[in-house]
């Protein structure tokens, strides 16, 4: 990068927002899982106009550009793969531009976190249908739209792409595109389908096609009465049968589950009852007063001993217009699972999750300080058991080295609207922390955890197991969010679809400078 370009970027953005020192570049070269090449510099635009001007300046030198949101990726999504890359940190572009509760939409800059968006909408009595990942304290709107995302609200409303209606995208040469509802030059951004859905091509692109600067989402009014239910099952097949039945009943907002392995890991964490802040949030969510005291007492008495560590657990949250509606929906859920071997248990897990949806992202390290990384695939309800069995076969093939190297695994499982089930194997292993963990996680939390020396043998094995799982998902016809530069995306595409994507890439990024390697493009 020339001195002239560096000076121009400093003039455009402010010298404090063009980072070139080694410590900052090392941090931005890491994600939750590993480190990539160091970028030449990190730029931090504050507005779309600054982003456009910066990309035009960078284009003159032909450098690669890598967008970064909140940094919660573990699939190399924003790790540079080409020497001489510029990382674009979008966290300063975080304003809520317009809340229109009457017409039911919100426009927000894509560097806003999901927690900040949710808090901005709360005084208006509205929220987005999909309202964020559990990492929403850090994860951004643009990151979710680029990587694909699901969790809060996904039991009913699906993934993040199902809630967005308009998008501004800046191409690698600085061209600004207004897509979806934003394409309406003379109207408000209230309706997505305005001719061909060109916006859809930029969703879940992992930043391979452009940088998202502004988005508009639909709004819904949260229903005031919530219920939480938990069940246990003797087998994965029974669990998947129940999750399909619940999804088809179309009454829950969140539906997620743990296998015995991940459940055991979660139960090793500090007891729910020992966290006064969590207890207080549960009581507040129950409405305070006598109702809050009752919920707090139930949480204290339940502890965590109510879960059988050898069984699969399912946790659900649902919302109703009033008590009668919420109770009726809870009855629908109980009826849906009655022939699946379900045993209802204490509902502490979904209750705590709802009361504290955007907690610190402490789960990126295990309860004993272990490193953590997931892999996932989404499949149809009828194929979930077969997909689970195929993943178990992968683990069986690696069982000897996993025991030798102390590598553990478990599964997070969730339903995605009426579409299917997300199956997320999670790997834990003893390994030294990255600088990323040291900066992102709370110091008081880190101080409680043991540390490990570098463990390249275990980390290499985890890498091979991850690749085997990702290949298995692809060959089983599963689809994935957060494709980044990790999943074998091109291998899973029909030839015509792969060819069209390459043509689209060449149209909007002819030199392959936008996030090279994402989606298997432009390496």
Protein backbone atom coordinates (compact mmCIF):
# COMPACT_ATOMS: atom_id res chain seq x y z
CA UNK A 1 0.00 0.00 0.00
CA UNK A 2 1.43 3.32 -1.04
CA UNK A 3 2.01 6.16 1.37
CA UNK A 4 -0.30 8.28 -0.79
CA UNK A 5 -3.21 5.84 -0.34
CA UNK A 6 -2.61 5.65 3.41
CA UNK A 7 -2.68 9.44 3.64
CA UNK A 8 -5.83 9.64 1.51
CA UNK A 9 -7.63 7.09 3.70
CA UNK A 10 -6.56 8.97 6.83
CA UNK A 11 -7.96 12.18 5.35
CA UNK A 12 -11.26 10.47 4.44
CA UNK A 13 -11.80 8.57 7.68
CA UNK A 14 -9.59 10.28 10.26
CA UNK A 15 -6.13 9.05 11.18
CA UNK A 16 -7.43 7.20 14.25
CA UNK A 17 -9.58 5.02 12.00
CA UNK A 18 -6.84 3.71 9.73
CA UNK A 19 -5.07 1.04 11.81
CA UNK A 20 -1.64 -0.17 10.77
CA UNK A 21 0.17 -1.24 13.95
CA UNK A 22 0.99 -4.92 14.38
CA UNK A 23 -1.18 -5.52 17.46
CA UNK A 24 -4.35 -4.29 15.77
CA UNK A 25 -3.62 -6.06 12.52
CA UNK A 26 -3.00 -9.32 14.43
CA UNK A 27 -6.36 -9.00 16.22
CA UNK A 28 -8.23 -8.37 12.96
CA UNK A 29 -6.49 -11.37 11.39
CA UNK A 30 -8.14 -13.73 13.91
CA UNK A 31 -11.64 -15.08 14.32
CA UNK A 32 -13.15 -17.36 16.95
CA UNK A 33 -11.22 -20.35 15.56
CA UNK A 34 -7.89 -19.35 14.02
CA UNK A 35 -5.63 -16.74 12.43
CA UNK A 36 -5.28 -15.77 8.78
CA UNK A 37 -2.90 -13.47 6.97
CA UNK A 38 -2.34 -10.05 8.51
CA UNK A 39 -4.09 -7.27 6.59
CA UNK A 40 -2.03 -4.34 5.38
CA UNK A 41 -4.38 -2.02 7.26
CA UNK A 42 -7.80 -1.89 8.92
CA UNK A 43 -10.14 0.96 8.01
CA UNK A 44 -13.19 2.04 10.04
CA UNK A 45 -15.66 4.13 8.00
CA UNK A 46 -18.47 5.88 9.86
CA UNK A 47 -20.92 6.43 6.99
CA UNK A 48 -21.86 4.90 3.66
CA UNK A 49 -20.35 7.94 1.98
CA UNK A 50 -17.01 7.34 3.68
CA UNK A 51 -17.15 3.66 2.73
CA UNK A 52 -17.82 4.52 -0.93
CA UNK A 53 -14.95 7.01 -1.02
CA UNK A 54 -12.54 4.62 0.69
CA UNK A 55 -13.31 1.74 -1.67
CA UNK A 56 -12.84 4.01 -4.68
CA UNK A 57 -9.43 5.02 -3.37
CA UNK A 58 -8.42 1.40 -2.67
CA UNK A 59 -9.61 0.34 -6.14
CA UNK A 60 -7.00 2.54 -7.78
CA UNK A 61 -4.27 0.34 -6.25
CA UNK A 62 -6.09 -2.92 -6.94
CA UNK A 63 -5.95 -4.20 -3.36
CA UNK A 64 -8.21 -6.91 -1.96
CA UNK A 65 -10.95 -5.80 0.45
CA UNK A 66 -12.29 -7.93 3.32
CA UNK A 67 -15.43 -6.80 5.23
CA UNK A 68 -15.76 -7.52 8.95
CA UNK A 69 -18.78 -7.13 11.21
CA UNK A 70 -18.76 -8.10 14.87
CA UNK A 71 -16.09 -10.78 14.45
CA UNK A 72 -18.14 -13.81 15.52
CA UNK A 73 -17.18 -15.93 12.49
CA UNK A 74 -15.43 -19.30 12.80
CA UNK A 75 -15.30 -20.16 9.08
CA UNK A 76 -12.56 -17.74 7.93
CA UNK A 77 -15.33 -15.37 6.83
CA UNK A 78 -13.25 -12.22 7.27
CA UNK A 79 -9.73 -13.67 7.46
CA UNK A 80 -7.58 -12.41 4.58
CA UNK A 81 -6.36 -15.10 2.19
CA UNK A 82 -4.48 -12.75 -0.12
CA UNK A 83 -1.37 -10.78 0.76
CA UNK A 84 -1.97 -7.05 0.65
CA UNK A 85 -5.61 -6.99 1.83
CA UNK A 86 -7.49 -4.15 3.50
CA UNK A 87 -9.91 -5.12 6.26
CA UNK A 88 -13.04 -2.97 6.54
CA UNK A 89 -14.34 -2.81 10.12
CA UNK A 90 -17.98 -1.66 9.97
CA UNK A 91 -18.73 -1.26 13.68
CA UNK A 92 -18.86 2.56 13.48
CA UNK A 93 -21.71 2.36 10.95
CA UNK A 94 -24.23 1.54 13.66
CA UNK A 95 -27.09 4.06 13.56
CA UNK A 96 -30.79 3.20 13.54
CA UNK A 97 -31.91 5.42 10.67
CA UNK A 98 -35.71 5.12 10.88
CA UNK A 99 -38.26 3.27 12.99
CA UNK A 100 -41.69 3.28 11.35
CA UNK A 101 -43.95 1.34 13.69
CA UNK A 102 -47.08 2.34 11.76
CA UNK A 103 -45.90 0.90 8.45
CA UNK A 104 -43.93 -1.87 10.12
CA UNK A 105 -40.29 -1.42 9.13
CA UNK A 106 -36.94 -0.29 10.52
CA UNK A 107 -33.90 0.91 8.58
CA UNK A 108 -30.54 0.43 10.29
CA UNK A 109 -26.88 0.68 9.38
CA UNK A 110 -25.28 -2.73 9.07
CA UNK A 111 -22.60 -2.21 11.72
CA UNK A 112 -25.26 -2.10 14.46
CA UNK A 113 -25.30 -5.08 16.79
CA UNK A 114 -28.47 -7.10 17.22
CA UNK A 115 -28.64 -6.15 20.87
CA UNK A 116 -28.43 -2.43 20.12
CA UNK A 117 -31.12 -2.75 17.43
CA UNK A 118 -33.40 -4.69 19.79
CA UNK A 119 -32.93 -2.09 22.52
CA UNK A 120 -33.65 0.76 20.09
CA UNK A 121 -36.91 -0.86 18.98
CA UNK A 122 -38.17 -1.80 22.44
CA UNK A 123 -39.56 1.68 23.36
CA UNK A 124 -41.67 1.55 20.18
CA UNK A 125 -43.22 -1.78 21.19
CA UNK A 126 -41.84 -3.58 18.12
CA UNK A 127 -39.01 -5.89 17.07
CA UNK A 128 -37.79 -7.62 13.94
CA UNK A 129 -39.30 -11.11 13.35
CA UNK A 130 -35.88 -12.77 13.53
CA UNK A 131 -34.27 -10.74 16.29
CA UNK A 132 -30.74 -12.03 16.52
CA UNK A 133 -28.23 -14.76 17.30
CA UNK A 134 -27.18 -15.57 20.86
CA UNK A 135 -23.94 -13.73 20.01
CA UNK A 136 -26.00 -10.58 19.33
CA UNK A 137 -24.12 -8.57 21.93
CA UNK A 138 -21.23 -8.57 19.40
CA UNK A 139 -22.70 -9.88 16.12
CA UNK A 140 -23.89 -7.24 13.67
CA UNK A 141 -26.82 -6.88 11.31
CA UNK A 142 -24.53 -6.91 8.29
CA UNK A 143 -22.59 -9.90 9.53
CA UNK A 144 -25.79 -11.91 9.92
CA UNK A 145 -27.08 -10.88 6.50
CA UNK A 146 -23.75 -11.79 4.91
CA UNK A 147 -23.11 -15.03 6.76
CA UNK A 148 -26.68 -16.20 7.27
CA UNK A 149 -28.00 -16.52 10.80
CA UNK A 150 -30.75 -18.06 12.90
CA UNK A 151 -31.88 -18.36 16.49
CA UNK A 152 -34.07 -15.82 18.31
CA UNK A 153 -37.47 -15.89 16.62
CA UNK A 154 -36.34 -18.56 14.15
CA UNK A 155 -38.73 -21.21 15.42
CA UNK A 156 -41.55 -19.23 13.84
CA UNK A 157 -39.95 -16.73 11.45
CA UNK A 158 -37.00 -18.64 10.01
CA UNK A 159 -33.56 -17.21 9.27
CA UNK A 160 -32.43 -13.60 9.05
CA UNK A 161 -32.91 -13.45 5.26
CA UNK A 162 -36.64 -14.05 5.77
CA UNK A 163 -37.03 -10.76 7.69
CA UNK A 164 -35.09 -8.27 5.53
CA UNK A 165 -36.88 -6.23 2.85
CA UNK A 166 -34.28 -3.72 1.65
CA UNK A 167 -30.52 -3.41 1.35
CA UNK A 168 -27.78 -0.98 0.37
CA UNK A 169 -24.65 -2.71 -0.94
CA UNK A 170 -21.35 -1.06 -1.86
CA UNK A 171 -19.38 -2.93 -4.53
CA UNK A 172 -15.61 -3.25 -4.47
CA UNK A 173 -15.16 -0.29 -6.85
CA UNK A 174 -17.31 1.99 -4.66
CA UNK A 175 -20.54 1.63 -6.63
CA UNK A 176 -23.61 1.91 -4.37
CA UNK A 177 -26.53 -0.43 -5.15
CA UNK A 178 -29.99 0.02 -3.63
CA UNK A 179 -31.84 -3.28 -3.66
CA UNK A 180 -35.16 -4.77 -2.61
CA UNK A 181 -37.43 -2.13 -1.10
CA UNK A 182 -34.57 0.39 -1.34
CA UNK A 183 -34.86 0.23 -5.13
CA UNK A 184 -38.16 2.14 -5.01
CA UNK A 185 -36.92 5.63 -5.93
CA UNK A 186 -40.19 7.36 -5.04
CA UNK A 187 -41.58 5.40 -2.10
CA UNK A 188 -40.89 4.19 1.41
CA UNK A 189 -38.93 0.92 1.91
CA UNK A 190 -41.91 -1.17 3.00
CA UNK A 191 -42.08 -3.96 0.38
CA UNK A 192 -39.30 -6.28 -0.79
CA UNK A 193 -40.63 -7.61 -4.10
CA UNK A 194 -40.18 -4.76 -6.57
CA UNK A 195 -39.43 -6.66 -9.76
CA UNK A 196 -36.75 -9.38 -9.78
CA UNK A 197 -35.33 -10.09 -6.32
CA UNK A 198 -31.80 -8.87 -7.01
CA UNK A 199 -31.34 -8.26 -3.28
CA UNK A 200 -31.54 -11.98 -2.61
CA UNK A 201 -28.31 -12.58 -4.51
CA UNK A 202 -26.39 -10.51 -1.96
CA UNK A 203 -27.80 -12.28 1.09
CA UNK A 204 -25.62 -15.02 2.62
CA UNK A 205 -22.84 -14.12 0.15
CA UNK A 206 -20.28 -14.06 3.03
CA UNK A 207 -19.05 -10.73 1.71
CA UNK A 208 -17.97 -12.15 -1.65
CA UNK A 209 -20.11 -9.78 -3.72
CA UNK A 210 -20.19 -6.50 -1.80
CA UNK A 211 -20.34 -4.75 1.57
CA UNK A 212 -23.73 -4.23 3.17
CA UNK A 213 -24.09 -0.72 4.54
CA UNK A 214 -27.80 -0.28 5.34
CA UNK A 215 -30.74 -2.68 5.72
CA UNK A 216 -34.49 -2.47 6.24
CA UNK A 217 -36.40 -5.15 8.18
CA UNK A 218 -40.04 -5.89 8.73
CA UNK A 219 -41.35 -5.27 12.24
CA UNK A 220 -43.74 -7.25 14.41
CA UNK A 221 -45.32 -6.48 17.77
CA UNK A 222 -44.08 -8.95 20.38
CA UNK A 223 -46.87 -10.85 22.06
CA UNK A 224 -46.87 -10.07 25.78
CA UNK A 225 -47.39 -13.48 27.38
CA UNK A 226 -44.61 -16.08 27.17
CA UNK A 227 -44.38 -19.73 28.14
CA UNK A 228 -41.31 -21.96 28.30
CA UNK A 229 -41.25 -25.73 28.04
CA UNK A 230 -38.52 -28.36 28.29
CA UNK A 231 -38.62 -32.09 27.54
CA UNK A 232 -36.19 -35.00 27.55
CA UNK A 233 -35.89 -37.95 25.16
CA UNK A 234 -34.12 -41.26 25.22
CA UNK A 235 -32.92 -41.10 21.59
CA UNK A 236 -32.04 -38.65 18.85
CA UNK A 237 -34.75 -40.14 16.64
CA UNK A 238 -37.41 -39.36 19.27
CA UNK A 239 -36.06 -35.82 19.63
CA UNK A 240 -36.16 -35.16 15.89
CA UNK A 241 -39.68 -36.57 15.63
CA UNK A 242 -40.80 -34.19 18.38
CA UNK A 243 -39.07 -31.19 16.80
CA UNK A 244 -40.78 -31.85 13.48
CA UNK A 245 -44.17 -32.14 15.16
CA UNK A 246 -43.63 -28.92 17.10
CA UNK A 247 -42.50 -27.04 13.98
CA UNK A 248 -45.56 -28.17 12.04
CA UNK A 249 -47.78 -26.98 14.90
CA UNK A 250 -46.42 -23.47 14.14
CA UNK A 251 -46.72 -22.06 17.67
CA UNK A 252 -43.16 -21.67 19.03
CA UNK A 253 -40.69 -18.80 18.69
CA UNK A 254 -37.53 -20.74 19.61
CA UNK A 255 -36.97 -24.47 19.55
CA UNK A 256 -33.51 -25.81 20.40
CA UNK A 257 -31.98 -28.94 21.86
CA UNK A 258 -28.81 -30.50 23.25
CA UNK A 259 -27.44 -34.00 22.92
CA UNK A 260 -26.00 -35.61 26.10
CA UNK A 261 -22.48 -34.48 25.16
CA UNK A 262 -23.19 -30.77 24.84
CA UNK A 263 -25.68 -30.91 27.68
CA UNK A 264 -22.92 -32.26 29.90
CA UNK A 265 -20.61 -29.44 28.82
CA UNK A 266 -23.25 -26.81 29.59
CA UNK A 267 -23.99 -28.32 32.97
CA UNK A 268 -20.31 -27.96 33.92
CA UNK A 269 -20.65 -24.20 33.74
CA UNK A 270 -21.40 -22.15 36.86
CA UNK A 271 -24.80 -23.00 38.30
CA UNK A 272 -27.61 -20.76 37.12
CA UNK A 273 -28.52 -20.02 40.72
CA UNK A 274 -25.02 -18.67 41.47
CA UNK A 275 -25.37 -15.85 38.94
CA UNK A 276 -27.32 -13.12 40.71
CA UNK A 277 -27.60 -11.05 37.53
CA UNK A 278 -29.17 -13.96 35.63
CA UNK A 279 -31.58 -14.66 38.48
CA UNK A 280 -32.60 -11.02 38.54
CA UNK A 281 -33.24 -10.96 34.81
CA UNK A 282 -35.46 -14.05 35.04
CA UNK A 283 -37.46 -12.41 37.82
CA UNK A 284 -37.78 -9.18 35.83
CA UNK A 285 -38.86 -11.08 32.71
CA UNK A 286 -41.62 -12.69 34.78
CA UNK A 287 -43.00 -9.22 35.51
CA UNK A 288 -41.41 -8.60 38.89
CA UNK A 289 -43.46 -8.64 42.06
CA UNK A 290 -44.93 -11.89 43.29
CA UNK A 291 -44.72 -13.53 39.85
CA UNK A 292 -41.04 -12.68 39.65
CA UNK A 293 -40.37 -14.03 43.12
CA UNK A 294 -42.09 -17.29 42.20
CA UNK A 295 -40.01 -17.68 39.05
CA UNK A 296 -36.82 -16.89 40.96
CA UNK A 297 -37.67 -19.42 43.64
CA UNK A 298 -38.38 -22.10 41.05
CA UNK A 299 -35.02 -21.42 39.40
CA UNK A 300 -33.16 -21.67 42.70
CA UNK A 301 -34.90 -24.89 43.68
CA UNK A 302 -34.42 -26.52 40.27
CA UNK A 303 -30.68 -25.86 40.04
CA UNK A 304 -29.43 -28.05 37.18
CA UNK A 305 -30.07 -31.50 38.55
CA UNK A 306 -33.36 -31.83 36.70
CA UNK A 307 -31.65 -32.86 33.44
CA UNK A 308 -30.71 -36.50 32.93
CA UNK A 309 -27.21 -36.25 31.47
CA UNK A 310 -27.75 -39.39 29.39
CA UNK A 311 -30.77 -38.04 27.54
CA UNK A 312 -31.46 -35.44 24.85
CA UNK A 313 -33.15 -32.24 26.01
CA UNK A 314 -35.51 -29.98 24.03
CA UNK A 315 -36.23 -26.38 25.04
CA UNK A 316 -38.97 -24.15 23.67
CA UNK A 317 -40.25 -20.61 24.09
CA UNK A 318 -43.63 -19.49 22.78
CA UNK A 319 -45.61 -16.27 22.95
CA UNK A 320 -49.31 -15.51 23.15
CA UNK A 321 -51.67 -12.53 23.00
CA UNK A 322 -52.77 -13.20 26.58
CA UNK A 323 -52.58 -15.93 29.23
CA UNK A 324 -55.27 -18.03 27.58
CA UNK A 325 -53.58 -17.86 24.19
CA UNK A 326 -50.15 -18.74 25.66
CA UNK A 327 -51.58 -21.65 27.63
CA UNK A 328 -53.43 -22.89 24.54
CA UNK A 329 -50.19 -22.86 22.53
CA UNK A 330 -48.37 -24.69 25.32
CA UNK A 331 -51.10 -27.32 25.22
CA UNK A 332 -50.59 -27.66 21.45
CA UNK A 333 -46.87 -28.32 22.03
CA UNK A 334 -47.55 -30.92 24.71
CA UNK A 335 -50.00 -32.66 22.42
CA UNK A 336 -47.53 -32.58 19.52
CA UNK A 337 -44.82 -34.43 21.49
CA UNK A 338 -47.03 -36.86 23.40
CA UNK A 339 -46.22 -39.90 21.23
CA UNK A 340 -42.47 -39.27 21.00
CA UNK A 341 -41.42 -40.58 24.40
CA UNK A 342 -41.15 -37.04 25.75
CA UNK A 343 -40.79 -36.43 29.48
CA UNK A 344 -41.47 -32.84 30.56
CA UNK A 345 -38.85 -31.36 32.89
CA UNK A 346 -38.10 -28.04 34.58
CA UNK A 347 -37.99 -25.17 32.05
CA UNK A 348 -34.98 -23.27 33.47
CA UNK A 349 -32.92 -23.40 30.26
CA UNK A 350 -35.31 -21.60 27.87
CA UNK A 351 -36.44 -19.29 30.67
CA UNK A 352 -32.88 -18.10 31.33
CA UNK A 353 -32.12 -17.82 27.61
CA UNK A 354 -35.13 -15.60 27.02
CA UNK A 355 -34.43 -13.45 30.06
CA UNK A 356 -30.82 -12.89 28.95
CA UNK A 357 -30.81 -13.35 25.15
CA UNK A 358 -27.69 -11.31 24.38
CA UNK A 359 -25.33 -12.51 27.09
CA UNK A 360 -21.54 -12.34 26.98
CA UNK A 361 -20.21 -14.67 24.29
CA UNK A 362 -18.48 -16.89 26.83
CA UNK A 363 -19.45 -20.13 25.09
CA UNK A 364 -16.57 -19.69 22.62
CA UNK A 365 -14.45 -21.32 25.31
CA UNK A 366 -15.45 -24.49 27.13
CA UNK A 367 -16.23 -24.59 30.88
CA UNK A 368 -12.67 -25.78 31.55
CA UNK A 369 -11.08 -23.19 29.27
CA UNK A 370 -11.10 -25.54 26.25
CA UNK A 371 -11.14 -24.10 22.75
CA UNK A 372 -14.45 -24.42 20.89
CA UNK A 373 -15.49 -24.63 17.27
CA UNK A 374 -18.74 -25.78 15.61
CA UNK A 375 -19.72 -27.12 12.20
CA UNK A 376 -23.33 -27.33 11.06
CA UNK A 377 -25.83 -28.30 8.42
CA UNK A 378 -29.57 -27.79 7.97
CA UNK A 379 -31.68 -30.65 6.67
CA UNK A 380 -35.35 -31.53 6.19
CA UNK A 381 -37.16 -32.88 9.24
CA UNK A 382 -37.49 -36.34 7.71
CA UNK A 383 -33.72 -36.58 7.10
CA UNK A 384 -32.49 -35.37 10.50
CA UNK A 385 -31.93 -38.81 12.04
CA UNK A 386 -29.98 -40.03 9.02
CA UNK A 387 -27.84 -36.88 9.06
CA UNK A 388 -27.16 -37.30 12.77
CA UNK A 389 -26.15 -40.93 12.24
CA UNK A 390 -23.77 -39.92 9.44
CA UNK A 391 -22.09 -37.37 11.73
CA UNK A 392 -21.77 -39.98 14.45
CA UNK A 393 -20.05 -42.22 11.88
CA UNK A 394 -17.50 -39.44 11.25
CA UNK A 395 -16.78 -39.21 14.96
CA UNK A 396 -16.53 -43.00 15.23
CA UNK A 397 -13.83 -43.03 12.54
CA UNK A 398 -11.82 -40.52 14.59
CA UNK A 399 -12.65 -41.87 18.04
CA UNK A 400 -9.19 -43.23 18.85
CA UNK A 401 -7.35 -39.97 18.24
CA UNK A 402 -10.13 -37.98 19.91
CA UNK A 403 -9.66 -40.02 23.10
CA UNK A 404 -5.87 -39.77 22.85
CA UNK A 405 -5.91 -36.00 22.32
CA UNK A 406 -8.76 -35.26 24.75
CA UNK A 407 -11.12 -33.90 22.06
CA UNK A 408 -14.78 -33.82 23.13
CA UNK A 409 -17.87 -33.22 21.04
CA UNK A 410 -21.56 -32.52 21.40
CA UNK A 411 -24.49 -31.20 19.34
CA UNK A 412 -26.60 -28.07 19.37
CA UNK A 413 -29.84 -28.69 17.48
CA UNK A 414 -32.52 -26.17 16.46
CA UNK A 415 -35.49 -25.86 14.16
CA UNK A 416 -35.53 -23.19 11.45
CA UNK A 417 -39.15 -22.21 10.93
CA UNK A 418 -41.07 -24.78 8.91
CA UNK A 419 -37.99 -25.56 6.79
CA UNK A 420 -36.02 -28.10 8.78
CA UNK A 421 -33.55 -28.86 11.54
CA UNK A 422 -30.09 -27.38 12.12
CA UNK A 423 -27.60 -29.92 13.41
CA UNK A 424 -24.42 -28.35 14.83
CA UNK A 425 -21.65 -30.65 16.06
CA UNK A 426 -19.37 -28.77 18.45
CA UNK A 427 -15.74 -29.69 19.16
CA UNK A 428 -13.83 -28.89 22.37
CA UNK A 429 -10.10 -29.45 22.85
CA UNK A 430 -7.23 -28.25 25.06
CA UNK A 431 -5.39 -25.45 23.27
CA UNK A 432 -3.94 -22.03 24.03
CA UNK A 433 -6.24 -19.04 23.61
CA UNK A 434 -5.92 -16.59 20.76
CA UNK A 435 -5.48 -12.85 21.19
CA UNK A 436 -9.05 -12.69 19.89
CA UNK A 437 -10.36 -14.47 22.99
CA UNK A 438 -8.33 -12.27 25.29
CA UNK A 439 -9.86 -9.10 23.85
CA UNK A 440 -13.45 -10.21 23.22
CA UNK A 441 -14.26 -12.17 26.39
CA UNK A 442 -14.78 -10.49 29.80
CA UNK A 443 -11.55 -10.36 31.84
CA UNK A 444 -13.29 -11.60 35.01
CA UNK A 445 -14.57 -14.63 33.12
CA UNK A 446 -11.17 -15.42 31.63
CA UNK A 447 -9.58 -15.14 35.06
CA UNK A 448 -11.72 -18.05 36.29
CA UNK A 449 -10.62 -20.41 33.52
CA UNK A 450 -7.49 -22.54 33.34
CA UNK A 451 -5.19 -22.03 30.37
CA UNK A 452 -3.43 -24.53 28.13
CA UNK A 453 -0.09 -24.53 26.34
CA UNK A 454 -0.04 -24.69 22.53
CA UNK A 455 -1.36 -28.06 21.36
CA UNK A 456 -0.76 -28.32 17.60
CA UNK A 457 -1.46 -32.07 17.43
CA UNK A 458 -4.98 -31.70 18.83
CA UNK A 459 -5.67 -28.59 16.77
CA UNK A 460 -4.58 -30.35 13.57
CA UNK A 461 -6.88 -33.27 14.40
CA UNK A 462 -9.80 -30.92 15.09
CA UNK A 463 -9.18 -29.31 11.70
CA UNK A 464 -9.36 -32.66 9.91
CA UNK A 465 -12.52 -33.69 11.78
CA UNK A 466 -14.17 -30.36 10.90
CA UNK A 467 -13.40 -30.86 7.22
CA UNK A 468 -14.76 -34.42 7.34
CA UNK A 469 -17.98 -33.18 8.95
CA UNK A 470 -18.38 -30.35 6.43
CA UNK A 471 -17.84 -32.76 3.53
CA UNK A 472 -20.37 -35.11 5.08
CA UNK A 473 -22.98 -32.34 5.34
CA UNK A 474 -22.44 -31.44 1.69
CA UNK A 475 -22.72 -35.02 0.45
CA UNK A 476 -25.87 -35.54 2.54
CA UNK A 477 -27.51 -32.55 0.84
CA UNK A 478 -27.55 -30.37 3.96
CA UNK A 479 -27.17 -26.59 3.60
CA UNK A 480 -25.18 -24.25 5.82
CA UNK A 481 -25.12 -20.72 7.09
CA UNK A 482 -21.79 -18.89 7.54
CA UNK A 483 -20.23 -20.59 4.50
CA UNK A 484 -17.23 -18.27 4.56
CA UNK A 485 -14.09 -19.87 3.15
CA UNK A 486 -14.52 -23.17 4.96
CA UNK A 487 -17.49 -25.14 3.63
CA UNK A 488 -17.04 -26.87 0.22
CA UNK A 489 -19.81 -24.72 -1.23
CA UNK A 490 -18.96 -25.15 -4.90
CA UNK A 491 -19.05 -28.94 -4.50
CA UNK A 492 -22.64 -28.75 -3.30
CA UNK A 493 -23.97 -26.67 -6.20
CA UNK A 494 -25.61 -27.83 -9.41
CA UNK A 495 -23.31 -26.93 -12.34
CA UNK A 496 -25.69 -24.30 -13.71
CA UNK A 497 -26.00 -22.57 -10.35
CA UNK A 498 -22.22 -22.60 -9.87
CA UNK A 499 -21.69 -21.12 -13.33
CA UNK A 500 -24.25 -18.37 -12.73
CA UNK A 501 -22.60 -17.45 -9.43
CA UNK A 502 -19.19 -17.17 -11.10
CA UNK A 503 -20.70 -14.91 -13.77
CA UNK A 504 -22.32 -12.74 -11.13
CA UNK A 505 -19.01 -12.48 -9.29
CA UNK A 506 -17.20 -11.45 -12.46
CA UNK A 507 -19.85 -8.79 -13.11
CA UNK A 508 -19.68 -7.07 -9.73
CA UNK A 509 -16.02 -7.89 -8.94
CA UNK A 510 -14.15 -8.59 -12.18
CA UNK A 511 -10.70 -8.67 -10.56
CA UNK A 512 -11.84 -10.86 -7.66
CA UNK A 513 -10.81 -8.31 -5.03
CA UNK A 514 -13.85 -8.54 -2.72
CA UNK A 515 -13.13 -11.02 0.07
CA UNK A 516 -11.16 -13.48 -2.09
CA UNK A 517 -11.90 -17.10 -1.26
CA UNK A 518 -15.41 -16.60 0.12
CA UNK A 519 -17.91 -19.04 -1.42
CA UNK A 520 -14.90 -20.65 -3.12
CA UNK A 521 -14.58 -17.64 -5.45
CA UNK A 522 -11.72 -15.35 -6.36
CA UNK A 523 -8.87 -17.05 -4.53
